Amino acid sequence: MQRASQILGRISAAPRSRKQADPVDPVIAMEQVACASWARAVGPRIARYSRAAKLVRNRLVVEVEDAVWQSNLFYLSHQIISNLAKELGAGIVTDLEFRIIPRRREPQRETTAVPNRPLGGEVDESDAIHDPVLRRIYRAARRKETA
């Protein structure tokens, strides 16, 4: 069974006529294959903290979380390149570039409920009291005092 990278390499090397439609752009396909093979080349633990972003010529650009990961992966780059050569074929990825990209924050839900506001849009000073029982006592005392 042949690797996808070898098949795509033959597709890009084959001569094409101008009339023939290009169903697959081999450069984009090779970039997608190289980025997809990153997790298999480095293993699940490293893949959790890094991500292959793009392939520029023969250089694979990898996004990492911080400078510690950047430094550690730099020292492992020869081993990673040999693993990528096993996955993709020799000569496709010859260099690695590690860029620090902070991890994106996931969407978060509100943890506390916002107190109900009157429909008139008036803001009451008692809305700042988080405890509903104390808020009710404060409002009752204020009504009694203004009456």
Protein backbone atom coordinates (compact mmCIF):
# COMPACT_ATOMS: atom_id res chain seq x y z
CA MET A 1 0.00 0.00 0.00
CA GLN A 2 1.42 3.37 -1.02
CA ARG A 3 1.49 6.47 1.13
CA ALA A 4 -0.71 9.38 0.11
CA SER A 5 2.31 11.67 -0.16
CA GLN A 6 3.94 9.46 -2.79
CA ILE A 7 0.75 9.37 -4.84
CA LEU A 8 0.37 13.15 -4.58
CA GLY A 9 4.01 13.56 -5.59
CA ARG A 10 3.34 11.65 -8.79
CA ILE A 11 0.24 13.74 -9.47
CA SER A 12 2.23 16.98 -9.23
CA ALA A 13 5.02 15.61 -11.45
CA ALA A 14 2.66 14.42 -14.20
CA PRO A 15 2.34 16.81 -17.18
CA ARG A 16 -1.10 18.40 -17.66
CA SER A 17 -2.74 19.99 -20.61
CA ARG A 18 -4.40 23.39 -20.25
CA LYS A 19 -7.83 21.99 -21.09
CA GLN A 20 -7.69 19.42 -18.31
CA ALA A 21 -9.31 20.56 -15.05
CA ASP A 22 -7.19 20.39 -11.89
CA PRO A 23 -9.34 18.45 -9.40
CA VAL A 24 -6.76 18.52 -6.59
CA ASP A 25 -4.11 21.16 -6.04
CA PRO A 26 -1.09 19.03 -5.08
CA VAL A 27 0.58 21.77 -3.04
CA ILE A 28 -2.48 22.28 -0.84
CA ALA A 29 -3.05 18.54 -0.60
CA MET A 30 0.57 17.96 0.43
CA GLU A 31 0.27 20.66 3.10
CA GLN A 32 -2.87 19.02 4.49
CA VAL A 33 -1.22 15.60 4.52
CA ALA A 34 1.88 17.00 6.25
CA CYS A 35 -0.18 18.79 8.90
CA ALA A 36 -2.35 15.73 9.47
CA SER A 37 0.69 13.48 9.92
CA TRP A 38 2.13 15.70 12.68
CA ALA A 39 0.19 13.97 15.46
CA ARG A 40 1.33 10.52 14.31
CA ALA A 41 4.95 11.65 14.01
CA VAL A 42 5.24 13.16 17.50
CA GLY A 43 2.72 11.13 19.48
CA PRO A 44 -0.41 12.14 21.38
CA ARG A 45 1.30 13.81 24.36
CA ILE A 46 3.30 16.30 22.28
CA ALA A 47 0.44 16.75 19.81
CA ARG A 48 -1.74 17.95 22.68
CA TYR A 49 0.53 20.99 23.16
CA SER A 50 1.53 21.66 19.55
CA ARG A 51 -0.12 21.87 16.14
CA ALA A 52 1.27 21.85 12.61
CA ALA A 53 -0.02 25.01 10.95
CA LYS A 54 1.34 25.03 7.40
CA LEU A 55 3.98 23.73 5.05
CA VAL A 56 6.16 26.40 3.41
CA ARG A 57 8.32 24.77 0.75
CA ASN A 58 10.03 22.04 2.79
CA ARG A 59 9.59 23.73 6.19
CA LEU A 60 6.75 22.67 8.46
CA VAL A 61 5.57 25.53 10.68
CA VAL A 62 4.43 24.25 14.08
CA GLU A 63 2.53 26.27 16.67
CA VAL A 64 3.45 25.63 20.31
CA GLU A 65 2.06 26.99 23.58
CA ASP A 66 5.13 28.56 25.16
CA ALA A 67 8.90 28.97 25.02
CA VAL A 68 9.50 25.78 27.01
CA TRP A 69 7.75 23.66 24.39
CA GLN A 70 9.52 25.59 21.64
CA SER A 71 12.93 24.84 23.17
CA ASN A 72 12.20 21.17 23.88
CA LEU A 73 10.81 20.48 20.42
CA PHE A 74 13.76 22.28 18.83
CA TYR A 75 16.09 19.74 20.44
CA LEU A 76 13.89 16.89 19.19
CA SER A 77 13.60 18.28 15.66
CA HIS A 78 15.96 15.74 14.02
CA GLN A 79 14.00 12.84 15.46
CA ILE A 80 10.69 14.46 14.48
CA ILE A 81 11.93 15.03 10.91
CA SER A 82 12.92 11.37 10.62
CA ASN A 83 9.47 10.33 11.90
CA LEU A 84 7.83 12.67 9.37
CA ALA A 85 10.01 11.15 6.63
CA LYS A 86 8.66 7.72 7.58
CA GLU A 87 5.08 9.03 7.44
CA LEU A 88 5.32 11.23 4.34
CA GLY A 89 8.37 10.13 2.43
CA ALA A 90 11.89 11.51 2.33
CA GLY A 91 12.46 15.14 1.32
CA ILE A 92 8.98 16.51 1.89
CA VAL A 93 9.74 18.02 5.32
CA THR A 94 13.40 18.91 5.82
CA ASP A 95 13.09 21.66 8.43
CA LEU A 96 10.82 22.60 11.32
CA GLU A 97 9.93 26.06 12.61
CA PHE A 98 8.35 26.38 16.04
CA ARG A 99 6.22 29.47 16.70
CA ILE A 100 4.78 30.45 20.06
CA ILE A 101 1.00 30.83 19.81
CA PRO A 102 -0.88 30.96 23.15
CA ARG A 103 -3.68 28.46 23.53
CA ARG A 104 -7.06 29.87 22.63
CA ARG A 105 -9.60 30.11 25.42
CA GLU A 106 -12.74 28.08 25.04
CA PRO A 107 -16.13 29.78 25.35
CA GLN A 108 -17.24 29.92 28.97
CA ARG A 109 -20.69 29.96 30.52
CA GLU A 110 -21.80 32.45 33.12
CA THR A 111 -21.37 30.94 36.58
CA THR A 112 -23.64 33.29 38.55
CA ALA A 113 -27.15 34.37 37.70
CA VAL A 114 -27.82 38.02 37.00
CA PRO A 115 -30.62 39.36 39.24
CA ASN A 116 -33.88 40.20 37.50
CA ARG A 117 -34.18 43.84 36.62
CA PRO A 118 -37.50 45.72 36.43
CA LEU A 119 -38.96 46.09 32.93
CA GLY A 120 -38.82 49.86 33.15
CA GLY A 121 -35.04 49.70 32.95
CA GLU A 122 -34.53 51.32 36.35
CA VAL A 123 -31.44 50.21 38.21
CA ASP A 124 -32.00 49.68 41.92
CA GLU A 125 -29.11 49.96 44.39
CA SER A 126 -30.35 46.78 46.07
CA ASP A 127 -29.48 44.79 42.94
CA ALA A 128 -25.85 44.87 44.11
CA ILE A 129 -26.80 42.68 47.11
CA HIS A 130 -26.09 39.10 46.01
CA ASP A 131 -27.94 37.30 48.80
CA PRO A 132 -31.66 37.20 47.85
CA VAL A 133 -32.86 37.08 51.48
CA LEU A 134 -30.82 40.11 52.52
CA ARG A 135 -31.91 41.91 49.35
CA ARG A 136 -35.59 41.33 50.25
CA ILE A 137 -35.03 42.51 53.86
CA TYR A 138 -33.25 45.64 52.63
CA ARG A 139 -36.06 46.48 50.20
CA ALA A 140 -38.75 45.93 52.87
CA ALA A 141 -36.88 48.18 55.33
CA ARG A 142 -36.48 50.88 52.68
CA ARG A 143 -40.20 50.77 51.83
CA LYS A 144 -41.11 51.00 55.48
CA GLU A 145 -38.80 53.98 55.97
CA THR A 146 -40.12 55.93 52.94
CA ALA A 147 -43.77 55.25 53.72
